[in-house]
Amino acid sequence: GRASPPLAALSQVLRLERSRRTAIVFPLQKLERYLAPGTDTAPFRLFQPGLAALQRAEALFRSDRGHPIDYVSSAVRMDHAPPPALPEVCFIGRSNVGKSSLIRALFSLAPEVEVRVSKTPGHTKKMNFFKVGKYFTLVDMPGYGYRAPQDFVEMVEAYLQERHNLKRTFLLVDGVVGLQKTDHIAVEMLEEFGIPYVMVLTKIDRASRGLLLKNVLEIQEFVKDNTQGCFPQLFLVSSVEFSGVHLLRCFVAHVTGNLPTVEAS
């Protein structure tokens, strides 16, 4: 297997000086300092786990002999999907939003897990299922918009409506360009089906601080005014610098019922 990249493990992040450490674990808090006085900061700190919870979550994403993390199968139709035995989360987003790169970053402590990252957008044409020991399943969904598979709508709608073990959908949005028309369609679909979801802003290492703050505030406003099923806190991630990856692992562990109490730090 490949070696884990630097900062993939929390122990490596904890060696950094404090402000850099906070920026990697809680990237939203780093932005909070630049808000105008009087801005509502509540949505920036709704999910703020302590170190013990982050470490417990990381252990779930670290494979060993008694806790294998495996690619299980791919499916183009629901009758090809593995049985819905475990709590499940799925990741959806536009074709070039960096979905496979993020899943690879989440699984970076299990280097034997093969998450294909393509140079061509729209490479994921099937639903890919990854089993995390006996705890939960993570599903990489095909990208929508540019180069989406022909039967994307049927495949994804059927999955969202029929998968009773689905605990949370992670809707990935490009942190550089913000919400696009195709993302609005995805939000409408999740809202219509009453699916609980959370928005994840990807590629934050590519956006200037000003642009990122603008996109964060616009999306938070949109979530507050136009959604019912969306978790009010955004998750910011960089698959390159590992910002937000540790926190996202913790949130996945939490929503799948594997972190019953998340104590605040």
C-alpha atoms as a PDB file:
ATOM      1  CA  GLY A   1       0.000   0.000   0.000  1.00  0.00           C
ATOM      2  CA  ARG A   2       0.961   3.642  -0.372  1.00  0.00           C
ATOM      3  CA  ALA A   3       2.322   5.587   2.592  1.00  0.00           C
ATOM      4  CA  SER A   4      -0.073   8.014   4.272  1.00  0.00           C
ATOM      5  CA  PRO A   5       0.549  11.644   3.289  1.00  0.00           C
ATOM      6  CA  PRO A   6       1.796  14.159   5.888  1.00  0.00           C
ATOM      7  CA  LEU A   7      -0.969  15.626   8.105  1.00  0.00           C
ATOM      8  CA  ALA A   8      -3.293  12.700   7.307  1.00  0.00           C
ATOM      9  CA  ALA A   9      -3.019  11.665  10.972  1.00  0.00           C
ATOM     10  CA  LEU A  10      -4.100  13.887  13.840  1.00  0.00           C
ATOM     11  CA  SER A  11      -0.869  13.157  15.716  1.00  0.00           C
ATOM     12  CA  GLN A  12       1.060  14.956  12.932  1.00  0.00           C
ATOM     13  CA  VAL A  13      -1.298  17.953  13.026  1.00  0.00           C
ATOM     14  CA  LEU A  14      -0.931  18.252  16.817  1.00  0.00           C
ATOM     15  CA  ARG A  15       2.817  18.874  16.394  1.00  0.00           C
ATOM     16  CA  LEU A  16       2.134  22.109  14.512  1.00  0.00           C
ATOM     17  CA  GLU A  17       1.977  25.478  16.236  1.00  0.00           C
ATOM     18  CA  ARG A  18      -1.449  26.395  17.531  1.00  0.00           C
ATOM     19  CA  SER A  19      -2.835  28.725  14.842  1.00  0.00           C
ATOM     20  CA  ARG A  20      -1.811  26.369  12.020  1.00  0.00           C
ATOM     21  CA  ARG A  21      -3.295  23.431  13.931  1.00  0.00           C
ATOM     22  CA  THR A  22      -6.637  25.245  14.341  1.00  0.00           C
ATOM     23  CA  ALA A  23      -6.629  26.225  10.656  1.00  0.00           C
ATOM     24  CA  ILE A  24      -6.282  22.566   9.643  1.00  0.00           C
ATOM     25  CA  VAL A  25      -8.733  21.030  12.100  1.00  0.00           C
ATOM     26  CA  PHE A  26     -11.314  23.862  12.148  1.00  0.00           C
ATOM     27  CA  PRO A  27     -10.847  25.868   8.912  1.00  0.00           C
ATOM     28  CA  LEU A  28     -14.145  27.693   9.455  1.00  0.00           C
ATOM     29  CA  GLN A  29     -12.853  29.103  12.770  1.00  0.00           C
ATOM     30  CA  LYS A  30      -9.843  30.537  10.969  1.00  0.00           C
ATOM     31  CA  LEU A  31     -12.233  32.533   8.753  1.00  0.00           C
ATOM     32  CA  GLU A  32     -14.346  33.639  11.710  1.00  0.00           C
ATOM     33  CA  ARG A  33     -11.768  36.263  12.719  1.00  0.00           C
ATOM     34  CA  TYR A  34     -12.346  38.172   9.495  1.00  0.00           C
ATOM     35  CA  LEU A  35     -16.110  38.555   9.883  1.00  0.00           C
ATOM     36  CA  ALA A  36     -17.669  41.981  10.195  1.00  0.00           C
ATOM     37  CA  PRO A  37     -18.666  42.868  13.788  1.00  0.00           C
ATOM     38  CA  GLY A  38     -22.195  41.713  14.573  1.00  0.00           C
ATOM     39  CA  THR A  39     -22.145  38.774  12.115  1.00  0.00           C
ATOM     40  CA  ASP A  40     -23.949  35.719  13.527  1.00  0.00           C
ATOM     41  CA  THR A  41     -21.154  33.246  14.318  1.00  0.00           C
ATOM     42  CA  ALA A  42     -23.415  30.438  15.613  1.00  0.00           C
ATOM     43  CA  PRO A  43     -23.333  28.488  12.308  1.00  0.00           C
ATOM     44  CA  PHE A  44     -19.508  28.465  12.507  1.00  0.00           C
ATOM     45  CA  ARG A  45     -19.386  26.422  15.722  1.00  0.00           C
ATOM     46  CA  LEU A  46     -22.297  23.985  15.802  1.00  0.00           C
ATOM     47  CA  PHE A  47     -20.121  20.897  15.466  1.00  0.00           C
ATOM     48  CA  GLN A  48     -16.955  21.448  17.457  1.00  0.00           C
ATOM     49  CA  PRO A  49     -15.708  18.122  18.818  1.00  0.00           C
ATOM     50  CA  GLY A  50     -12.926  17.839  21.362  1.00  0.00           C
ATOM     51  CA  LEU A  51      -9.671  15.971  20.847  1.00  0.00           C
ATOM     52  CA  ALA A  52     -10.948  12.646  22.242  1.00  0.00           C
ATOM     53  CA  ALA A  53     -13.832  12.569  19.738  1.00  0.00           C
ATOM     54  CA  LEU A  54     -11.506  13.457  16.841  1.00  0.00           C
ATOM     55  CA  GLN A  55      -9.169  10.633  17.879  1.00  0.00           C
ATOM     56  CA  ARG A  56     -11.998   8.087  18.211  1.00  0.00           C
ATOM     57  CA  ALA A  57     -13.254   9.048  14.756  1.00  0.00           C
ATOM     58  CA  GLU A  58      -9.780   8.742  13.265  1.00  0.00           C
ATOM     59  CA  ALA A  59      -9.467   5.202  14.640  1.00  0.00           C
ATOM     60  CA  LEU A  60     -12.506   4.205  12.529  1.00  0.00           C
ATOM     61  CA  PHE A  61     -10.729   5.435   9.381  1.00  0.00           C
ATOM     62  CA  ARG A  62      -7.509   3.557  10.215  1.00  0.00           C
ATOM     63  CA  SER A  63      -7.572  -0.016   8.939  1.00  0.00           C
ATOM     64  CA  ASP A  64      -6.043  -3.045  10.637  1.00  0.00           C
ATOM     65  CA  ARG A  65      -6.541  -6.795  10.597  1.00  0.00           C
ATOM     66  CA  GLY A  66      -9.556  -6.666  12.899  1.00  0.00           C
ATOM     67  CA  HIS A  67     -10.976  -3.582  11.220  1.00  0.00           C
ATOM     68  CA  PRO A  68     -10.678  -3.828   7.425  1.00  0.00           C
ATOM     69  CA  ILE A  69     -11.700  -0.919   5.194  1.00  0.00           C
ATOM     70  CA  ASP A  70     -12.623  -2.241   1.768  1.00  0.00           C
ATOM     71  CA  TYR A  71     -14.060  -1.223  -1.551  1.00  0.00           C
ATOM     72  CA  VAL A  72     -17.089  -3.533  -1.691  1.00  0.00           C
ATOM     73  CA  SER A  73     -18.707  -3.104  -5.099  1.00  0.00           C
ATOM     74  CA  SER A  74     -20.046  -0.742  -7.726  1.00  0.00           C
ATOM     75  CA  ALA A  75     -23.637  -0.486  -8.870  1.00  0.00           C
ATOM     76  CA  VAL A  76     -25.498   1.229 -11.676  1.00  0.00           C
ATOM     77  CA  ARG A  77     -28.888   0.103 -10.373  1.00  0.00           C
ATOM     78  CA  MET A  78     -30.301  -0.312  -6.892  1.00  0.00           C
ATOM     79  CA  ASP A  79     -30.690  -4.075  -7.295  1.00  0.00           C
ATOM     80  CA  HIS A  80     -26.897  -4.246  -7.753  1.00  0.00           C
ATOM     81  CA  ALA A  81     -26.207  -2.361  -4.502  1.00  0.00           C
ATOM     82  CA  PRO A  82     -24.899  -4.335  -1.510  1.00  0.00           C
ATOM     83  CA  PRO A  83     -27.489  -5.120   1.189  1.00  0.00           C
ATOM     84  CA  PRO A  84     -28.270  -2.099   3.408  1.00  0.00           C
ATOM     85  CA  ALA A  85     -26.883  -3.722   6.555  1.00  0.00           C
ATOM     86  CA  LEU A  86     -24.848  -0.819   7.996  1.00  0.00           C
ATOM     87  CA  PRO A  87     -25.463   2.903   8.520  1.00  0.00           C
ATOM     88  CA  GLU A  88     -24.511   4.675   5.299  1.00  0.00           C
ATOM     89  CA  VAL A  89     -23.371   8.095   4.073  1.00  0.00           C
ATOM     90  CA  CYS A  90     -23.104   9.184   0.458  1.00  0.00           C
ATOM     91  CA  PHE A  91     -21.090  11.899  -1.278  1.00  0.00           C
ATOM     92  CA  ILE A  92     -22.578  13.714  -4.266  1.00  0.00           C
ATOM     93  CA  GLY A  93     -21.509  16.778  -6.231  1.00  0.00           C
ATOM     94  CA  ARG A  94     -20.671  18.228  -9.623  1.00  0.00           C
ATOM     95  CA  SER A  95     -18.396  16.195 -11.869  1.00  0.00           C
ATOM     96  CA  ASN A  96     -15.191  18.141 -11.162  1.00  0.00           C
ATOM     97  CA  VAL A  97     -15.827  19.132  -7.540  1.00  0.00           C
ATOM     98  CA  GLY A  98     -13.080  16.865  -6.143  1.00  0.00           C
ATOM     99  CA  LYS A  99     -15.261  14.127  -4.699  1.00  0.00           C
ATOM    100  CA  SER A 100     -12.953  11.165  -5.262  1.00  0.00           C
ATOM    101  CA  SER A 101      -9.961  13.204  -4.023  1.00  0.00           C
ATOM    102  CA  LEU A 102     -11.817  13.982  -0.794  1.00  0.00           C
ATOM    103  CA  ILE A 103     -12.810  10.342  -0.269  1.00  0.00           C
ATOM    104  CA  ARG A 104      -9.200   9.348  -0.865  1.00  0.00           C
ATOM    105  CA  ALA A 105      -8.119  11.939   1.766  1.00  0.00           C
ATOM    106  CA  LEU A 106     -10.665  10.562   4.271  1.00  0.00           C
ATOM    107  CA  PHE A 107      -9.292   7.043   3.663  1.00  0.00           C
ATOM    108  CA  SER A 108      -5.617   8.128   3.584  1.00  0.00           C
ATOM    109  CA  LEU A 109      -4.879   6.144   6.786  1.00  0.00           C
ATOM    110  CA  ALA A 110      -5.979   3.001   4.943  1.00  0.00           C
ATOM    111  CA  PRO A 111      -3.672   3.335   1.899  1.00  0.00           C
ATOM    112  CA  GLU A 112      -4.670  -0.084   0.572  1.00  0.00           C
ATOM    113  CA  VAL A 113      -8.168   1.250  -0.225  1.00  0.00           C
ATOM    114  CA  GLU A 114      -8.289   2.002  -3.936  1.00  0.00           C
ATOM    115  CA  VAL A 115     -10.182   5.236  -4.619  1.00  0.00           C
ATOM    116  CA  ARG A 116      -9.689   6.075  -8.256  1.00  0.00           C
ATOM    117  CA  VAL A 117      -9.045   9.772  -8.864  1.00  0.00           C
ATOM    118  CA  SER A 118      -9.312  10.634 -12.538  1.00  0.00           C
ATOM    119  CA  LYS A 119      -7.746  13.537 -14.388  1.00  0.00           C
ATOM    120  CA  THR A 120     -10.921  13.703 -16.478  1.00  0.00           C
ATOM    121  CA  PRO A 121     -14.007  15.056 -14.692  1.00  0.00           C
ATOM    122  CA  GLY A 122     -17.009  12.757 -14.615  1.00  0.00           C
ATOM    123  CA  HIS A 123     -14.976   9.576 -14.234  1.00  0.00           C
ATOM    124  CA  THR A 124     -17.243   8.086 -11.568  1.00  0.00           C
ATOM    125  CA  LYS A 125     -20.064   6.524 -13.611  1.00  0.00           C
ATOM    126  CA  LYS A 126     -21.337   4.159 -10.926  1.00  0.00           C
ATOM    127  CA  MET A 127     -22.164   4.199  -7.236  1.00  0.00           C
ATOM    128  CA  ASN A 128     -19.025   2.904  -5.463  1.00  0.00           C
ATOM    129  CA  PHE A 129     -19.491   1.357  -2.019  1.00  0.00           C
ATOM    130  CA  PHE A 130     -16.740   1.311   0.639  1.00  0.00           C
ATOM    131  CA  LYS A 131     -17.231  -0.648   3.851  1.00  0.00           C
ATOM    132  CA  VAL A 132     -15.593   0.682   7.016  1.00  0.00           C
ATOM    133  CA  GLY A 133     -15.256  -2.410   9.191  1.00  0.00           C
ATOM    134  CA  LYS A 134     -18.548  -3.308  10.848  1.00  0.00           C
ATOM    135  CA  TYR A 135     -19.400   0.352  11.471  1.00  0.00           C
ATOM    136  CA  PHE A 136     -20.651   2.060   8.297  1.00  0.00           C
ATOM    137  CA  THR A 137     -20.570   2.252   4.509  1.00  0.00           C
ATOM    138  CA  LEU A 138     -19.472   5.262   2.462  1.00  0.00           C
ATOM    139  CA  VAL A 139     -20.804   5.687  -1.071  1.00  0.00           C
ATOM    140  CA  ASP A 140     -19.126   7.685  -3.851  1.00  0.00           C
ATOM    141  CA  MET A 141     -21.941   8.764  -6.206  1.00  0.00           C
ATOM    142  CA  PRO A 142     -21.517   9.703  -9.883  1.00  0.00           C
ATOM    143  CA  GLY A 143     -20.964  13.418 -10.509  1.00  0.00           C
ATOM    144  CA  TYR A 144     -23.782  15.526 -11.928  1.00  0.00           C
ATOM    145  CA  GLY A 145     -23.713  18.296 -14.514  1.00  0.00           C
ATOM    146  CA  TYR A 146     -20.855  18.079 -17.006  1.00  0.00           C
ATOM    147  CA  ARG A 147     -20.326  14.490 -18.262  1.00  0.00           C
ATOM    148  CA  ALA A 148     -22.851  12.971 -15.842  1.00  0.00           C
ATOM    149  CA  PRO A 149     -23.816   9.386 -16.742  1.00  0.00           C
ATOM    150  CA  GLN A 150     -26.956   9.160 -18.893  1.00  0.00           C
ATOM    151  CA  ASP A 151     -29.016   7.433 -16.236  1.00  0.00           C
ATOM    152  CA  PHE A 152     -27.732   9.689 -13.428  1.00  0.00           C
ATOM    153  CA  VAL A 153     -31.154  10.959 -12.357  1.00  0.00           C
ATOM    154  CA  GLU A 154     -32.782   7.507 -12.215  1.00  0.00           C
ATOM    155  CA  MET A 155     -29.808   6.015 -10.384  1.00  0.00           C
ATOM    156  CA  VAL A 156     -29.439   8.762  -7.787  1.00  0.00           C
ATOM    157  CA  GLU A 157     -33.131   9.412  -7.186  1.00  0.00           C
ATOM    158  CA  ALA A 158     -33.751   5.696  -6.682  1.00  0.00           C
ATOM    159  CA  TYR A 159     -30.821   5.480  -4.266  1.00  0.00           C
ATOM    160  CA  LEU A 160     -31.886   8.512  -2.203  1.00  0.00           C
ATOM    161  CA  GLN A 161     -35.503   7.400  -1.990  1.00  0.00           C
ATOM    162  CA  GLU A 162     -34.971   3.690  -1.364  1.00  0.00           C
ATOM    163  CA  ARG A 163     -31.845   3.478   0.778  1.00  0.00           C
ATOM    164  CA  HIS A 164     -33.360   3.321   4.274  1.00  0.00           C
ATOM    165  CA  ASN A 165     -29.977   3.010   6.009  1.00  0.00           C
ATOM    166  CA  LEU A 166     -28.783   6.350   4.535  1.00  0.00           C
ATOM    167  CA  LYS A 167     -27.951   8.601   7.496  1.00  0.00           C
ATOM    168  CA  ARG A 168     -26.597  11.706   5.764  1.00  0.00           C
ATOM    169  CA  THR A 169     -25.833  12.947   2.263  1.00  0.00           C
ATOM    170  CA  PHE A 170     -22.727  15.075   1.797  1.00  0.00           C
ATOM    171  CA  LEU A 171     -23.281  17.607  -0.980  1.00  0.00           C
ATOM    172  CA  LEU A 172     -19.917  18.854  -2.248  1.00  0.00           C
ATOM    173  CA  VAL A 173     -19.678  22.400  -3.589  1.00  0.00           C
ATOM    174  CA  ASP A 174     -16.577  23.928  -5.203  1.00  0.00           C
ATOM    175  CA  GLY A 175     -15.138  26.455  -2.728  1.00  0.00           C
ATOM    176  CA  VAL A 176     -13.767  28.616  -5.560  1.00  0.00           C
ATOM    177  CA  VAL A 177     -16.967  29.041  -7.601  1.00  0.00           C
ATOM    178  CA  GLY A 178     -19.632  28.574  -4.902  1.00  0.00           C
ATOM    179  CA  LEU A 179     -23.153  27.284  -5.580  1.00  0.00           C
ATOM    180  CA  GLN A 180     -23.880  26.667  -9.272  1.00  0.00           C
ATOM    181  CA  LYS A 181     -27.194  26.077 -11.072  1.00  0.00           C
ATOM    182  CA  THR A 182     -26.663  22.289 -11.008  1.00  0.00           C
ATOM    183  CA  ASP A 183     -26.044  22.452  -7.226  1.00  0.00           C
ATOM    184  CA  HIS A 184     -29.394  24.233  -6.795  1.00  0.00           C
ATOM    185  CA  ILE A 185     -31.065  21.328  -8.630  1.00  0.00           C
ATOM    186  CA  ALA A 186     -29.363  18.842  -6.261  1.00  0.00           C
ATOM    187  CA  VAL A 187     -30.531  20.872  -3.240  1.00  0.00           C
ATOM    188  CA  GLU A 188     -34.108  20.887  -4.582  1.00  0.00           C
ATOM    189  CA  MET A 189     -33.974  17.097  -5.014  1.00  0.00           C
ATOM    190  CA  LEU A 190     -32.686  16.520  -1.458  1.00  0.00           C
ATOM    191  CA  GLU A 191     -35.272  18.916  -0.038  1.00  0.00           C
ATOM    192  CA  GLU A 192     -38.092  17.295  -2.020  1.00  0.00           C
ATOM    193  CA  PHE A 193     -37.166  13.822  -0.769  1.00  0.00           C
ATOM    194  CA  GLY A 194     -36.691  15.062   2.817  1.00  0.00           C
ATOM    195  CA  ILE A 195     -33.104  13.732   2.924  1.00  0.00           C
ATOM    196  CA  PRO A 196     -30.878  15.169   5.710  1.00  0.00           C
ATOM    197  CA  TYR A 197     -27.724  16.569   4.133  1.00  0.00           C
ATOM    198  CA  VAL A 198     -24.716  18.758   4.786  1.00  0.00           C
ATOM    199  CA  MET A 199     -22.752  20.996   2.420  1.00  0.00           C
ATOM    200  CA  VAL A 200     -19.001  20.558   2.067  1.00  0.00           C
ATOM    201  CA  LEU A 201     -16.908  23.273   0.394  1.00  0.00           C
ATOM    202  CA  THR A 202     -13.988  21.660  -1.441  1.00  0.00           C
ATOM    203  CA  LYS A 203     -10.679  23.019  -2.831  1.00  0.00           C
ATOM    204  CA  ILE A 204     -10.412  25.741  -0.191  1.00  0.00           C
ATOM    205  CA  ASP A 205      -6.629  25.870  -0.755  1.00  0.00           C
ATOM    206  CA  ARG A 206      -7.352  27.312  -4.227  1.00  0.00           C
ATOM    207  CA  ALA A 207      -9.556  30.197  -3.047  1.00  0.00           C
ATOM    208  CA  SER A 208      -8.311  33.494  -1.645  1.00  0.00           C
ATOM    209  CA  ARG A 209      -9.484  34.296   1.876  1.00  0.00           C
ATOM    210  CA  GLY A 210     -11.803  37.044   0.622  1.00  0.00           C
ATOM    211  CA  LEU A 211     -13.402  34.806  -2.009  1.00  0.00           C
ATOM    212  CA  LEU A 212     -13.801  31.932   0.430  1.00  0.00           C
ATOM    213  CA  LEU A 213     -15.417  34.159   3.055  1.00  0.00           C
ATOM    214  CA  LYS A 214     -17.804  35.586   0.438  1.00  0.00           C
ATOM    215  CA  ASN A 215     -18.819  32.077  -0.713  1.00  0.00           C
ATOM    216  CA  VAL A 216     -19.221  30.820   2.865  1.00  0.00           C
ATOM    217  CA  LEU A 217     -21.466  33.728   3.883  1.00  0.00           C
ATOM    218  CA  GLU A 218     -23.562  33.506   0.693  1.00  0.00           C
ATOM    219  CA  ILE A 219     -24.074  29.759   1.106  1.00  0.00           C
ATOM    220  CA  GLN A 220     -24.910  30.089   4.821  1.00  0.00           C
ATOM    221  CA  GLU A 221     -27.509  32.712   3.917  1.00  0.00           C
ATOM    222  CA  PHE A 222     -28.900  30.433   1.210  1.00  0.00           C
ATOM    223  CA  VAL A 223     -29.074  27.473   3.629  1.00  0.00           C
ATOM    224  CA  LYS A 224     -30.846  29.574   6.260  1.00  0.00           C
ATOM    225  CA  ASP A 225     -33.443  30.996   3.844  1.00  0.00           C
ATOM    226  CA  ASN A 226     -34.061  28.120   1.430  1.00  0.00           C
ATOM    227  CA  THR A 227     -33.452  24.769   3.106  1.00  0.00           C
ATOM    228  CA  GLN A 228     -34.939  22.609   5.821  1.00  0.00           C
ATOM    229  CA  GLY A 229     -32.892  19.423   5.593  1.00  0.00           C
ATOM    230  CA  CYS A 230     -29.424  21.004   5.451  1.00  0.00           C
ATOM    231  CA  PHE A 231     -27.196  21.106   8.539  1.00  0.00           C
ATOM    232  CA  PRO A 232     -26.583  24.845   9.190  1.00  0.00           C
ATOM    233  CA  GLN A 233     -22.800  24.508   9.511  1.00  0.00           C
ATOM    234  CA  LEU A 234     -20.717  24.226   6.351  1.00  0.00           C
ATOM    235  CA  PHE A 235     -17.675  21.960   6.277  1.00  0.00           C
ATOM    236  CA  LEU A 236     -14.592  23.389   4.532  1.00  0.00           C
ATOM    237  CA  VAL A 237     -12.011  20.961   3.157  1.00  0.00           C
ATOM    238  CA  SER A 238      -8.790  20.790   1.190  1.00  0.00           C
ATOM    239  CA  SER A 239      -7.781  17.307   0.032  1.00  0.00           C
ATOM    240  CA  VAL A 240      -4.304  18.713  -0.663  1.00  0.00           C
ATOM    241  CA  GLU A 241      -3.576  20.335   2.727  1.00  0.00           C
ATOM    242  CA  PHE A 242      -5.911  18.093   4.786  1.00  0.00           C
ATOM    243  CA  SER A 243      -7.755  21.133   6.165  1.00  0.00           C
ATOM    244  CA  GLY A 244     -11.137  20.043   7.506  1.00  0.00           C
ATOM    245  CA  VAL A 245     -10.554  16.341   6.776  1.00  0.00           C
ATOM    246  CA  HIS A 246     -10.184  15.361  10.460  1.00  0.00           C
ATOM    247  CA  LEU A 247     -13.364  17.240  11.371  1.00  0.00           C
ATOM    248  CA  LEU A 248     -15.264  15.646   8.486  1.00  0.00           C
ATOM    249  CA  ARG A 249     -14.171  12.166   9.590  1.00  0.00           C
ATOM    250  CA  CYS A 250     -15.550  13.039  13.026  1.00  0.00           C
ATOM    251  CA  PHE A 251     -18.880  14.223  11.597  1.00  0.00           C
ATOM    252  CA  VAL A 252     -19.217  11.028   9.520  1.00  0.00           C
ATOM    253  CA  ALA A 253     -18.530   8.934  12.642  1.00  0.00           C
ATOM    254  CA  HIS A 254     -21.101  11.012  14.534  1.00  0.00           C
ATOM    255  CA  VAL A 255     -23.961  10.818  12.000  1.00  0.00           C
ATOM    256  CA  THR A 256     -23.477   7.060  11.522  1.00  0.00           C
ATOM    257  CA  GLY A 257     -24.007   6.577  15.258  1.00  0.00           C
ATOM    258  CA  ASN A 258     -20.391   5.613  16.000  1.00  0.00           C
ATOM    259  CA  LEU A 259     -19.650   8.616  18.175  1.00  0.00           C
ATOM    260  CA  PRO A 260     -22.691   8.854  20.429  1.00  0.00           C
ATOM    261  CA  THR A 261     -21.434  11.763  22.534  1.00  0.00           C
ATOM    262  CA  VAL A 262     -19.430  14.520  20.937  1.00  0.00           C
ATOM    263  CA  GLU A 263     -18.118  16.717  23.699  1.00  0.00           C
ATOM    264  CA  ALA A 264     -17.342  20.318  22.820  1.00  0.00           C
ATOM    265  CA  SER A 265     -13.751  21.451  23.064  1.00  0.00           C
END
